[in-house]
Amino acid sequence: MSTDNKLQAIGLVMLAVLMASTQDMIVKSVSGVYPAYEMVMFRCVTSVPILGIWLAMKGGLPTLATPYFPRILLRSLILASAYFAYILSLSSLAMANTVSIYFTLPLFVAALSGWGLGERVPLHRWIAIIAGFIGVLVMVRPATGSFQPASLLALYSAFAYAVGQMMGRSLSQKIDTLVIGNWQNLIYLAVAVLMGLVVSVFGLASEGSKTLAFLTRPPSWPETGHYAVLLSMGFLAAVSMMAYVNAYRSAPANFVAPFEYSAMIWAVLYGVLFFHDFPDFWTLVGAAIVVSAGLFMLWRDHVMGRQTTG
């Protein structure tokens, strides 16, 4: 008898996407005031007690002691680089552009699965992968004057997250995801603190571009009204993570995953409301191609899975 709760899964994944998109909006809105590493510090410090209490309720803090820590460390460092690349791209690009490019992630996972996991990559996945990257080229338009280098950061972010996801497949079968999540949050914090120290000691501040300024700006005490906003990022990140985990536990992944594309709705809405970023025609066309390629791949995987089990 199936224990799937698809209605619950939809609600949870939509909540997760809303929380993550709201966090993106906050990052973009204050990226001209505070450095990236300071914002990550605020996010991680707020997340520590939330994730820690959740872990204590489920398995206990001693479970953080694991022989798989070296693999967790490597994966977390890769994901930290992906997260920094993602928020740095947000500082220069419209939210819709960054999110659209980021949605090449499942295509990267499909492309890398043959090499990293020894899986056979069927023809329909290659079709989706090629179509998805055509969509990225349509959005980025590298041969035109509208090309923005920050687009490459968004693309790297999707690639690095895909590598992290693949590493996480085997790890999650051996360790509770909460253990991985707690260590990941602490390692993000350590990376952010180290970046802050390097910037402060060596005076690397640069105003050459929005992206460089966001990366190298010296730390500053938040304005009174900004404390709650910055601290809310940790709450949003923790709630988003918990909602994602439970959504994928409530229903099959190929049912849940398409609802993640609702992030495009929030990206466009937040972009228009808060930053007056109206996606141009080619951005919308490219985004539609990327999303369609991802949905096509998920649909074909589902069909082939039913044929195999049937």
C-alpha atoms as a PDB file:
ATOM      1  CA  MET A   1       0.000   0.000   0.000  1.00  0.00           C
ATOM      2  CA  SER A   2       1.401   3.420  -0.999  1.00  0.00           C
ATOM      3  CA  THR A   3       2.190   5.872   1.780  1.00  0.00           C
ATOM      4  CA  ASP A   4       2.631   8.806  -0.606  1.00  0.00           C
ATOM      5  CA  ASN A   5       0.919  12.056   0.324  1.00  0.00           C
ATOM      6  CA  LYS A   6       1.099  14.045  -2.885  1.00  0.00           C
ATOM      7  CA  LEU A   7      -0.984  16.987  -1.669  1.00  0.00           C
ATOM      8  CA  GLN A   8       1.342  17.386   1.319  1.00  0.00           C
ATOM      9  CA  ALA A   9       4.368  17.099  -0.952  1.00  0.00           C
ATOM     10  CA  ILE A  10       3.085  19.880  -3.220  1.00  0.00           C
ATOM     11  CA  GLY A  11       2.430  22.182  -0.263  1.00  0.00           C
ATOM     12  CA  LEU A  12       5.862  21.528   1.247  1.00  0.00           C
ATOM     13  CA  VAL A  13       7.851  22.004  -1.954  1.00  0.00           C
ATOM     14  CA  MET A  14       5.934  25.194  -2.789  1.00  0.00           C
ATOM     15  CA  LEU A  15       6.689  26.477   0.725  1.00  0.00           C
ATOM     16  CA  ALA A  16      10.365  25.546   0.300  1.00  0.00           C
ATOM     17  CA  VAL A  17      10.564  27.396  -3.015  1.00  0.00           C
ATOM     18  CA  LEU A  18       8.852  30.473  -1.551  1.00  0.00           C
ATOM     19  CA  MET A  19      11.268  30.568   1.405  1.00  0.00           C
ATOM     20  CA  ALA A  20      14.312  30.132  -0.852  1.00  0.00           C
ATOM     21  CA  SER A  21      13.084  32.773  -3.312  1.00  0.00           C
ATOM     22  CA  THR A  22      12.410  35.236  -0.496  1.00  0.00           C
ATOM     23  CA  GLN A  23      15.949  34.671   0.748  1.00  0.00           C
ATOM     24  CA  ASP A  24      17.238  35.432  -2.776  1.00  0.00           C
ATOM     25  CA  MET A  25      15.238  38.660  -2.811  1.00  0.00           C
ATOM     26  CA  ILE A  26      16.777  39.727   0.524  1.00  0.00           C
ATOM     27  CA  VAL A  27      20.290  38.939  -0.711  1.00  0.00           C
ATOM     28  CA  LYS A  28      19.792  41.023  -3.835  1.00  0.00           C
ATOM     29  CA  SER A  29      18.166  43.908  -1.966  1.00  0.00           C
ATOM     30  CA  VAL A  30      21.106  44.427   0.424  1.00  0.00           C
ATOM     31  CA  SER A  31      23.931  43.301  -1.879  1.00  0.00           C
ATOM     32  CA  GLY A  32      24.852  46.934  -2.475  1.00  0.00           C
ATOM     33  CA  VAL A  33      25.335  47.562   1.262  1.00  0.00           C
ATOM     34  CA  TYR A  34      26.927  44.478   2.865  1.00  0.00           C
ATOM     35  CA  PRO A  35      29.518  41.993   1.580  1.00  0.00           C
ATOM     36  CA  ALA A  36      28.530  38.496   0.542  1.00  0.00           C
ATOM     37  CA  TYR A  37      30.493  36.766   3.298  1.00  0.00           C
ATOM     38  CA  GLU A  38      28.802  38.876   6.001  1.00  0.00           C
ATOM     39  CA  MET A  39      25.373  37.923   4.714  1.00  0.00           C
ATOM     40  CA  VAL A  40      26.344  34.244   4.712  1.00  0.00           C
ATOM     41  CA  MET A  41      27.583  34.635   8.311  1.00  0.00           C
ATOM     42  CA  PHE A  42      24.206  36.016   9.382  1.00  0.00           C
ATOM     43  CA  ARG A  43      22.390  33.226   7.565  1.00  0.00           C
ATOM     44  CA  CYS A  44      24.539  30.478   9.088  1.00  0.00           C
ATOM     45  CA  VAL A  45      24.577  31.843  12.641  1.00  0.00           C
ATOM     46  CA  THR A  46      20.766  31.990  12.640  1.00  0.00           C
ATOM     47  CA  SER A  47      20.522  28.489  11.168  1.00  0.00           C
ATOM     48  CA  VAL A  48      22.834  26.892  13.762  1.00  0.00           C
ATOM     49  CA  PRO A  49      20.283  26.695  16.628  1.00  0.00           C
ATOM     50  CA  ILE A  50      17.391  25.794  14.315  1.00  0.00           C
ATOM     51  CA  LEU A  51      19.206  22.903  12.626  1.00  0.00           C
ATOM     52  CA  GLY A  52      20.896  21.912  15.898  1.00  0.00           C
ATOM     53  CA  ILE A  53      17.600  21.615  17.787  1.00  0.00           C
ATOM     54  CA  TRP A  54      16.068  19.659  14.903  1.00  0.00           C
ATOM     55  CA  LEU A  55      19.037  17.270  14.956  1.00  0.00           C
ATOM     56  CA  ALA A  56      18.873  16.907  18.747  1.00  0.00           C
ATOM     57  CA  MET A  57      15.174  15.984  18.515  1.00  0.00           C
ATOM     58  CA  LYS A  58      15.766  13.338  15.847  1.00  0.00           C
ATOM     59  CA  GLY A  59      19.121  11.727  16.453  1.00  0.00           C
ATOM     60  CA  GLY A  60      21.151  13.679  18.961  1.00  0.00           C
ATOM     61  CA  LEU A  61      24.179  15.912  18.572  1.00  0.00           C
ATOM     62  CA  PRO A  62      26.661  13.003  19.043  1.00  0.00           C
ATOM     63  CA  THR A  63      25.675  11.832  15.541  1.00  0.00           C
ATOM     64  CA  LEU A  64      27.778  14.716  14.179  1.00  0.00           C
ATOM     65  CA  ALA A  65      30.815  12.532  14.902  1.00  0.00           C
ATOM     66  CA  THR A  66      30.996  10.512  11.688  1.00  0.00           C
ATOM     67  CA  PRO A  67      33.762   8.694   9.801  1.00  0.00           C
ATOM     68  CA  TYR A  68      32.383  10.236   6.605  1.00  0.00           C
ATOM     69  CA  PHE A  69      33.370  13.769   7.634  1.00  0.00           C
ATOM     70  CA  PRO A  70      36.125  14.144   4.950  1.00  0.00           C
ATOM     71  CA  ARG A  71      33.535  13.492   2.235  1.00  0.00           C
ATOM     72  CA  ILE A  72      31.067  15.856   3.918  1.00  0.00           C
ATOM     73  CA  LEU A  73      33.801  18.512   4.073  1.00  0.00           C
ATOM     74  CA  LEU A  74      34.701  18.207   0.385  1.00  0.00           C
ATOM     75  CA  ARG A  75      31.045  18.278  -0.676  1.00  0.00           C
ATOM     76  CA  SER A  76      30.301  21.262   1.591  1.00  0.00           C
ATOM     77  CA  LEU A  77      33.245  23.244   0.199  1.00  0.00           C
ATOM     78  CA  ILE A  78      32.016  22.614  -3.340  1.00  0.00           C
ATOM     79  CA  LEU A  79      28.496  23.665  -2.348  1.00  0.00           C
ATOM     80  CA  ALA A  80      29.825  26.753  -0.545  1.00  0.00           C
ATOM     81  CA  SER A  81      31.561  27.835  -3.755  1.00  0.00           C
ATOM     82  CA  ALA A  82      28.280  27.220  -5.592  1.00  0.00           C
ATOM     83  CA  TYR A  83      26.280  29.296  -3.110  1.00  0.00           C
ATOM     84  CA  PHE A  84      28.707  32.210  -3.237  1.00  0.00           C
ATOM     85  CA  ALA A  85      28.679  32.095  -7.044  1.00  0.00           C
ATOM     86  CA  TYR A  86      24.872  32.093  -7.004  1.00  0.00           C
ATOM     87  CA  ILE A  87      24.456  35.098  -4.699  1.00  0.00           C
ATOM     88  CA  LEU A  88      27.233  36.999  -6.491  1.00  0.00           C
ATOM     89  CA  SER A  89      25.350  36.539  -9.767  1.00  0.00           C
ATOM     90  CA  LEU A  90      22.185  37.811  -8.064  1.00  0.00           C
ATOM     91  CA  SER A  91      23.919  41.110  -7.299  1.00  0.00           C
ATOM     92  CA  SER A  92      24.371  41.851 -11.016  1.00  0.00           C
ATOM     93  CA  LEU A  93      21.638  39.944 -12.833  1.00  0.00           C
ATOM     94  CA  ALA A  94      17.869  40.104 -12.691  1.00  0.00           C
ATOM     95  CA  MET A  95      16.505  37.406 -10.395  1.00  0.00           C
ATOM     96  CA  ALA A  96      14.718  35.750 -13.315  1.00  0.00           C
ATOM     97  CA  ASN A  97      18.004  35.412 -15.237  1.00  0.00           C
ATOM     98  CA  THR A  98      19.909  33.889 -12.320  1.00  0.00           C
ATOM     99  CA  VAL A  99      17.127  31.446 -11.449  1.00  0.00           C
ATOM    100  CA  SER A 100      16.600  30.429 -15.085  1.00  0.00           C
ATOM    101  CA  ILE A 101      20.282  29.651 -15.573  1.00  0.00           C
ATOM    102  CA  TYR A 102      20.372  27.836 -12.236  1.00  0.00           C
ATOM    103  CA  PHE A 103      17.645  25.490 -13.472  1.00  0.00           C
ATOM    104  CA  THR A 104      20.207  23.843 -15.733  1.00  0.00           C
ATOM    105  CA  LEU A 105      21.134  21.962 -12.533  1.00  0.00           C
ATOM    106  CA  PRO A 106      19.072  18.802 -13.282  1.00  0.00           C
ATOM    107  CA  LEU A 107      20.552  18.793 -16.786  1.00  0.00           C
ATOM    108  CA  PHE A 108      24.060  18.886 -15.330  1.00  0.00           C
ATOM    109  CA  VAL A 109      23.110  16.034 -12.978  1.00  0.00           C
ATOM    110  CA  ALA A 110      21.855  14.007 -15.952  1.00  0.00           C
ATOM    111  CA  ALA A 111      24.996  14.720 -17.971  1.00  0.00           C
ATOM    112  CA  LEU A 112      27.366  13.900 -15.103  1.00  0.00           C
ATOM    113  CA  SER A 113      25.586  10.751 -13.952  1.00  0.00           C
ATOM    114  CA  GLY A 114      27.212   8.670 -16.674  1.00  0.00           C
ATOM    115  CA  TRP A 115      30.692   9.779 -15.690  1.00  0.00           C
ATOM    116  CA  GLY A 116      30.292  10.093 -11.940  1.00  0.00           C
ATOM    117  CA  LEU A 117      27.922   7.220 -11.168  1.00  0.00           C
ATOM    118  CA  GLY A 118      28.493   4.895 -14.092  1.00  0.00           C
ATOM    119  CA  GLU A 119      24.864   5.239 -15.158  1.00  0.00           C
ATOM    120  CA  ARG A 120      23.794   4.976 -18.779  1.00  0.00           C
ATOM    121  CA  VAL A 121      22.538   8.338 -20.045  1.00  0.00           C
ATOM    122  CA  PRO A 122      19.569   7.620 -22.359  1.00  0.00           C
ATOM    123  CA  LEU A 123      18.899   9.539 -25.557  1.00  0.00           C
ATOM    124  CA  HIS A 124      16.021  11.594 -24.134  1.00  0.00           C
ATOM    125  CA  ARG A 125      18.336  13.008 -21.459  1.00  0.00           C
ATOM    126  CA  TRP A 126      20.904  14.080 -24.034  1.00  0.00           C
ATOM    127  CA  ILE A 127      18.113  15.786 -25.986  1.00  0.00           C
ATOM    128  CA  ALA A 128      17.024  17.624 -22.814  1.00  0.00           C
ATOM    129  CA  ILE A 129      20.626  18.552 -21.954  1.00  0.00           C
ATOM    130  CA  ILE A 130      21.323  19.996 -25.403  1.00  0.00           C
ATOM    131  CA  ALA A 131      17.996  21.849 -25.469  1.00  0.00           C
ATOM    132  CA  GLY A 132      18.612  23.249 -21.989  1.00  0.00           C
ATOM    133  CA  PHE A 133      21.968  24.679 -22.901  1.00  0.00           C
ATOM    134  CA  ILE A 134      20.531  26.176 -26.073  1.00  0.00           C
ATOM    135  CA  GLY A 135      18.071  27.912 -23.728  1.00  0.00           C
ATOM    136  CA  VAL A 136      20.973  29.249 -21.646  1.00  0.00           C
ATOM    137  CA  LEU A 137      22.665  30.607 -24.798  1.00  0.00           C
ATOM    138  CA  VAL A 138      19.418  32.321 -25.764  1.00  0.00           C
ATOM    139  CA  MET A 139      19.273  34.018 -22.344  1.00  0.00           C
ATOM    140  CA  VAL A 140      22.964  34.849 -22.021  1.00  0.00           C
ATOM    141  CA  ARG A 141      23.621  35.796 -25.676  1.00  0.00           C
ATOM    142  CA  PRO A 142      27.436  35.642 -25.346  1.00  0.00           C
ATOM    143  CA  ALA A 143      28.103  37.104 -28.793  1.00  0.00           C
ATOM    144  CA  THR A 144      26.108  40.283 -28.163  1.00  0.00           C
ATOM    145  CA  GLY A 145      26.647  43.452 -26.177  1.00  0.00           C
ATOM    146  CA  SER A 146      24.018  42.305 -23.657  1.00  0.00           C
ATOM    147  CA  PHE A 147      26.260  39.532 -22.282  1.00  0.00           C
ATOM    148  CA  GLN A 148      27.002  39.824 -18.552  1.00  0.00           C
ATOM    149  CA  PRO A 149      29.940  37.871 -17.055  1.00  0.00           C
ATOM    150  CA  ALA A 150      27.875  37.229 -13.913  1.00  0.00           C
ATOM    151  CA  SER A 151      25.878  34.756 -16.030  1.00  0.00           C
ATOM    152  CA  LEU A 152      28.901  32.458 -15.914  1.00  0.00           C
ATOM    153  CA  LEU A 153      28.745  32.532 -12.105  1.00  0.00           C
ATOM    154  CA  ALA A 154      25.119  31.363 -12.225  1.00  0.00           C
ATOM    155  CA  LEU A 155      26.092  28.608 -14.655  1.00  0.00           C
ATOM    156  CA  TYR A 156      29.010  27.522 -12.454  1.00  0.00           C
ATOM    157  CA  SER A 157      26.659  27.506  -9.476  1.00  0.00           C
ATOM    158  CA  ALA A 158      24.342  25.044 -11.242  1.00  0.00           C
ATOM    159  CA  PHE A 159      27.307  22.841 -12.210  1.00  0.00           C
ATOM    160  CA  ALA A 160      28.810  22.821  -8.693  1.00  0.00           C
ATOM    161  CA  TYR A 161      25.433  22.124  -7.093  1.00  0.00           C
ATOM    162  CA  ALA A 162      25.019  19.200  -9.522  1.00  0.00           C
ATOM    163  CA  VAL A 163      28.383  17.792  -8.409  1.00  0.00           C
ATOM    164  CA  GLY A 164      27.297  18.255  -4.777  1.00  0.00           C
ATOM    165  CA  GLN A 165      23.996  16.480  -5.440  1.00  0.00           C
ATOM    166  CA  MET A 166      25.776  13.512  -6.967  1.00  0.00           C
ATOM    167  CA  MET A 167      28.147  13.285  -4.007  1.00  0.00           C
ATOM    168  CA  GLY A 168      25.140  13.556  -1.720  1.00  0.00           C
ATOM    169  CA  ARG A 169      23.385  10.543  -3.243  1.00  0.00           C
ATOM    170  CA  SER A 170      25.755   8.022  -1.698  1.00  0.00           C
ATOM    171  CA  LEU A 171      26.302  10.064   1.487  1.00  0.00           C
ATOM    172  CA  SER A 172      22.577  10.308   2.243  1.00  0.00           C
ATOM    173  CA  GLN A 173      22.331   6.504   2.139  1.00  0.00           C
ATOM    174  CA  LYS A 174      24.925   6.247   4.918  1.00  0.00           C
ATOM    175  CA  ILE A 175      24.246   9.329   7.080  1.00  0.00           C
ATOM    176  CA  ASP A 176      21.123  11.195   8.188  1.00  0.00           C
ATOM    177  CA  THR A 177      20.551  14.231   5.993  1.00  0.00           C
ATOM    178  CA  LEU A 178      20.321  16.359   9.136  1.00  0.00           C
ATOM    179  CA  VAL A 179      23.910  15.466  10.036  1.00  0.00           C
ATOM    180  CA  ILE A 180      24.996  16.473   6.543  1.00  0.00           C
ATOM    181  CA  GLY A 181      22.929  19.679   6.747  1.00  0.00           C
ATOM    182  CA  ASN A 182      24.362  20.726  10.117  1.00  0.00           C
ATOM    183  CA  TRP A 183      27.944  20.176   9.007  1.00  0.00           C
ATOM    184  CA  GLN A 184      27.238  21.947   5.730  1.00  0.00           C
ATOM    185  CA  ASN A 185      25.903  24.991   7.571  1.00  0.00           C
ATOM    186  CA  LEU A 186      28.950  25.084   9.896  1.00  0.00           C
ATOM    187  CA  ILE A 187      31.361  24.764   6.966  1.00  0.00           C
ATOM    188  CA  TYR A 188      29.571  27.577   5.101  1.00  0.00           C
ATOM    189  CA  LEU A 189      30.051  29.678   8.236  1.00  0.00           C
ATOM    190  CA  ALA A 190      33.752  28.813   8.437  1.00  0.00           C
ATOM    191  CA  VAL A 191      34.264  29.721   4.761  1.00  0.00           C
ATOM    192  CA  ALA A 192      32.453  33.039   5.235  1.00  0.00           C
ATOM    193  CA  VAL A 193      34.516  33.912   8.335  1.00  0.00           C
ATOM    194  CA  LEU A 194      37.751  33.043   6.501  1.00  0.00           C
ATOM    195  CA  MET A 195      36.753  35.214   3.536  1.00  0.00           C
ATOM    196  CA  GLY A 196      35.954  38.088   5.884  1.00  0.00           C
ATOM    197  CA  LEU A 197      39.364  37.791   7.562  1.00  0.00           C
ATOM    198  CA  VAL A 198      41.191  37.712   4.218  1.00  0.00           C
ATOM    199  CA  VAL A 199      39.318  40.778   2.940  1.00  0.00           C
ATOM    200  CA  SER A 200      39.885  42.690   6.204  1.00  0.00           C
ATOM    201  CA  VAL A 201      43.582  41.832   6.532  1.00  0.00           C
ATOM    202  CA  PHE A 202      44.590  42.369   2.914  1.00  0.00           C
ATOM    203  CA  GLY A 203      42.200  45.209   2.060  1.00  0.00           C
ATOM    204  CA  LEU A 204      40.892  43.647  -1.147  1.00  0.00           C
ATOM    205  CA  ALA A 205      37.930  46.010  -1.585  1.00  0.00           C
ATOM    206  CA  SER A 206      37.143  46.730  -5.225  1.00  0.00           C
ATOM    207  CA  GLU A 207      34.366  48.755  -6.788  1.00  0.00           C
ATOM    208  CA  GLY A 208      35.090  47.589 -10.339  1.00  0.00           C
ATOM    209  CA  SER A 209      31.657  45.979 -10.669  1.00  0.00           C
ATOM    210  CA  LYS A 210      28.637  45.134  -8.536  1.00  0.00           C
ATOM    211  CA  THR A 211      29.837  41.544  -8.296  1.00  0.00           C
ATOM    212  CA  LEU A 212      33.391  42.409  -7.205  1.00  0.00           C
ATOM    213  CA  ALA A 213      32.131  45.011  -4.761  1.00  0.00           C
ATOM    214  CA  PHE A 214      29.717  42.492  -3.230  1.00  0.00           C
ATOM    215  CA  LEU A 215      32.550  39.980  -2.854  1.00  0.00           C
ATOM    216  CA  THR A 216      35.282  42.261  -1.471  1.00  0.00           C
ATOM    217  CA  ARG A 217      33.439  45.038   0.378  1.00  0.00           C
ATOM    218  CA  PRO A 218      34.745  45.418   3.973  1.00  0.00           C
ATOM    219  CA  PRO A 219      32.387  44.266   6.743  1.00  0.00           C
ATOM    220  CA  SER A 220      30.144  46.805   8.421  1.00  0.00           C
ATOM    221  CA  TRP A 221      27.721  46.794  11.327  1.00  0.00           C
ATOM    222  CA  PRO A 222      24.176  46.455   9.988  1.00  0.00           C
ATOM    223  CA  GLU A 223      21.792  49.347  10.333  1.00  0.00           C
ATOM    224  CA  THR A 224      19.224  48.823  13.081  1.00  0.00           C
ATOM    225  CA  GLY A 225      16.433  48.079  10.653  1.00  0.00           C
ATOM    226  CA  HIS A 226      18.538  45.545   8.761  1.00  0.00           C
ATOM    227  CA  TYR A 227      19.284  43.155  11.649  1.00  0.00           C
ATOM    228  CA  ALA A 228      15.924  41.418  11.455  1.00  0.00           C
ATOM    229  CA  VAL A 229      16.138  41.190   7.660  1.00  0.00           C
ATOM    230  CA  LEU A 230      19.631  39.663   7.686  1.00  0.00           C
ATOM    231  CA  LEU A 231      18.844  37.264  10.528  1.00  0.00           C
ATOM    232  CA  SER A 232      15.674  36.139   8.772  1.00  0.00           C
ATOM    233  CA  MET A 233      17.825  34.577   6.041  1.00  0.00           C
ATOM    234  CA  GLY A 234      18.889  31.789   8.406  1.00  0.00           C
ATOM    235  CA  PHE A 235      15.276  31.110   9.360  1.00  0.00           C
ATOM    236  CA  LEU A 236      14.231  31.049   5.711  1.00  0.00           C
ATOM    237  CA  ALA A 237      17.124  28.742   4.776  1.00  0.00           C
ATOM    238  CA  ALA A 238      16.374  26.302   7.624  1.00  0.00           C
ATOM    239  CA  VAL A 239      12.628  26.188   6.922  1.00  0.00           C
ATOM    240  CA  SER A 240      13.315  25.749   3.209  1.00  0.00           C
ATOM    241  CA  MET A 241      15.679  22.853   3.876  1.00  0.00           C
ATOM    242  CA  MET A 242      13.216  21.106   6.219  1.00  0.00           C
ATOM    243  CA  ALA A 243      10.381  21.584   3.739  1.00  0.00           C
ATOM    244  CA  TYR A 244      12.443  20.203   0.838  1.00  0.00           C
ATOM    245  CA  VAL A 245      13.495  17.126   2.821  1.00  0.00           C
ATOM    246  CA  ASN A 246       9.941  16.323   3.897  1.00  0.00           C
ATOM    247  CA  ALA A 247       8.461  17.056   0.461  1.00  0.00           C
ATOM    248  CA  TYR A 248      10.704  14.444  -1.147  1.00  0.00           C
ATOM    249  CA  ARG A 249       9.814  12.010   1.620  1.00  0.00           C
ATOM    250  CA  SER A 250       6.106  12.534   1.007  1.00  0.00           C
ATOM    251  CA  ALA A 251       6.023  11.629  -2.697  1.00  0.00           C
ATOM    252  CA  PRO A 252       8.261  10.322  -5.503  1.00  0.00           C
ATOM    253  CA  ALA A 253      10.996  12.705  -6.682  1.00  0.00           C
ATOM    254  CA  ASN A 254       9.700  12.759 -10.269  1.00  0.00           C
ATOM    255  CA  PHE A 255       6.357  14.018  -8.940  1.00  0.00           C
ATOM    256  CA  VAL A 256       7.832  16.645  -6.593  1.00  0.00           C
ATOM    257  CA  ALA A 257      10.641  18.065  -8.754  1.00  0.00           C
ATOM    258  CA  PRO A 258       8.494  19.870 -11.398  1.00  0.00           C
ATOM    259  CA  PHE A 259       6.949  22.043  -8.675  1.00  0.00           C
ATOM    260  CA  GLU A 260      10.400  23.504  -7.965  1.00  0.00           C
ATOM    261  CA  TYR A 261      10.034  25.419 -11.229  1.00  0.00           C
ATOM    262  CA  SER A 262       7.528  27.633  -9.415  1.00  0.00           C
ATOM    263  CA  ALA A 263      10.669  29.545  -8.388  1.00  0.00           C
ATOM    264  CA  MET A 264      10.477  31.221 -11.802  1.00  0.00           C
ATOM    265  CA  ILE A 265       7.152  32.802 -10.810  1.00  0.00           C
ATOM    266  CA  TRP A 266       8.644  34.249  -7.614  1.00  0.00           C
ATOM    267  CA  ALA A 267      11.806  35.369  -9.394  1.00  0.00           C
ATOM    268  CA  VAL A 268       9.827  37.362 -11.942  1.00  0.00           C
ATOM    269  CA  LEU A 269       7.361  38.703  -9.350  1.00  0.00           C
ATOM    270  CA  TYR A 270      10.033  39.782  -6.844  1.00  0.00           C
ATOM    271  CA  GLY A 271      12.169  41.194  -9.656  1.00  0.00           C
ATOM    272  CA  VAL A 272       9.350  43.379 -10.937  1.00  0.00           C
ATOM    273  CA  LEU A 273       8.021  44.457  -7.524  1.00  0.00           C
ATOM    274  CA  PHE A 274      11.286  45.204  -5.721  1.00  0.00           C
ATOM    275  CA  PHE A 275      13.910  45.843  -8.413  1.00  0.00           C
ATOM    276  CA  HIS A 276      11.883  46.916 -11.459  1.00  0.00           C
ATOM    277  CA  ASP A 277      13.555  44.129 -13.446  1.00  0.00           C
ATOM    278  CA  PHE A 278      11.258  43.250 -16.311  1.00  0.00           C
ATOM    279  CA  PRO A 279      12.525  40.133 -18.149  1.00  0.00           C
ATOM    280  CA  ASP A 280      13.096  40.843 -21.825  1.00  0.00           C
ATOM    281  CA  PHE A 281      11.755  38.673 -24.637  1.00  0.00           C
ATOM    282  CA  TRP A 282      14.885  36.537 -25.052  1.00  0.00           C
ATOM    283  CA  THR A 283      15.183  35.902 -21.320  1.00  0.00           C
ATOM    284  CA  LEU A 284      11.623  34.567 -21.272  1.00  0.00           C
ATOM    285  CA  VAL A 285      12.233  32.443 -24.384  1.00  0.00           C
ATOM    286  CA  GLY A 286      15.449  30.995 -22.951  1.00  0.00           C
ATOM    287  CA  ALA A 287      13.827  30.339 -19.580  1.00  0.00           C
ATOM    288  CA  ALA A 288      10.911  28.559 -21.274  1.00  0.00           C
ATOM    289  CA  ILE A 289      13.367  26.330 -23.180  1.00  0.00           C
ATOM    290  CA  VAL A 290      15.326  25.448 -20.008  1.00  0.00           C
ATOM    291  CA  VAL A 291      12.182  24.688 -17.985  1.00  0.00           C
ATOM    292  CA  SER A 292      10.636  22.682 -20.835  1.00  0.00           C
ATOM    293  CA  ALA A 293      13.836  20.644 -21.224  1.00  0.00           C
ATOM    294  CA  GLY A 294      13.854  19.834 -17.503  1.00  0.00           C
ATOM    295  CA  LEU A 295      10.177  18.879 -17.462  1.00  0.00           C
ATOM    296  CA  PHE A 296      10.580  16.759 -20.603  1.00  0.00           C
ATOM    297  CA  MET A 297      13.453  14.861 -18.984  1.00  0.00           C
ATOM    298  CA  LEU A 298      11.462  14.256 -15.800  1.00  0.00           C
ATOM    299  CA  TRP A 299       8.438  13.077 -17.795  1.00  0.00           C
ATOM    300  CA  ARG A 300      10.480  10.644 -19.915  1.00  0.00           C
ATOM    301  CA  ASP A 301      12.269   9.322 -16.810  1.00  0.00           C
ATOM    302  CA  HIS A 302       8.865   8.716 -15.215  1.00  0.00           C
ATOM    303  CA  VAL A 303       7.523   6.932 -18.310  1.00  0.00           C
ATOM    304  CA  MET A 304      10.601   4.743 -18.632  1.00  0.00           C
ATOM    305  CA  GLY A 305      10.500   3.978 -14.889  1.00  0.00           C
ATOM    306  CA  ARG A 306       6.874   2.796 -15.178  1.00  0.00           C
ATOM    307  CA  GLN A 307       7.751   0.644 -18.186  1.00  0.00           C
ATOM    308  CA  THR A 308      10.653  -0.937 -16.285  1.00  0.00           C
ATOM    309  CA  THR A 309       8.610  -1.728 -13.168  1.00  0.00           C
ATOM    310  CA  GLY A 310       5.518  -2.662 -15.151  1.00  0.00           C
END
